[in-house]
């Protein structure tokens, strides 16, 4: 189940990001595909976190909750650079 969630998120993200880049002149398309990209990325991060849960559970208590959050935030920050920047290009 976790792998399906992860792969579904990655495939949806690839599809949405491709359409996002292709239709970057239309503001309504930017909003729609950007939102779809963020949602699919969140699905992929949740799937990745569930896949790696056995590894996280072996860590000390503080790290078990900190590392998945840090990985998720880092991925979102990197993705936002690619998803927000085209909206401000002229």
Foldseek 3Di string as FASTA:
>chain_A
DLVVQQVQLVVQLVVLLVQCVVPLVDPVSLVVSLVSNVVSLVSNLVSVCVVCLVVLVVDPPVSSPVVSVVVSVVVVVVVCVSSVVSNPDD
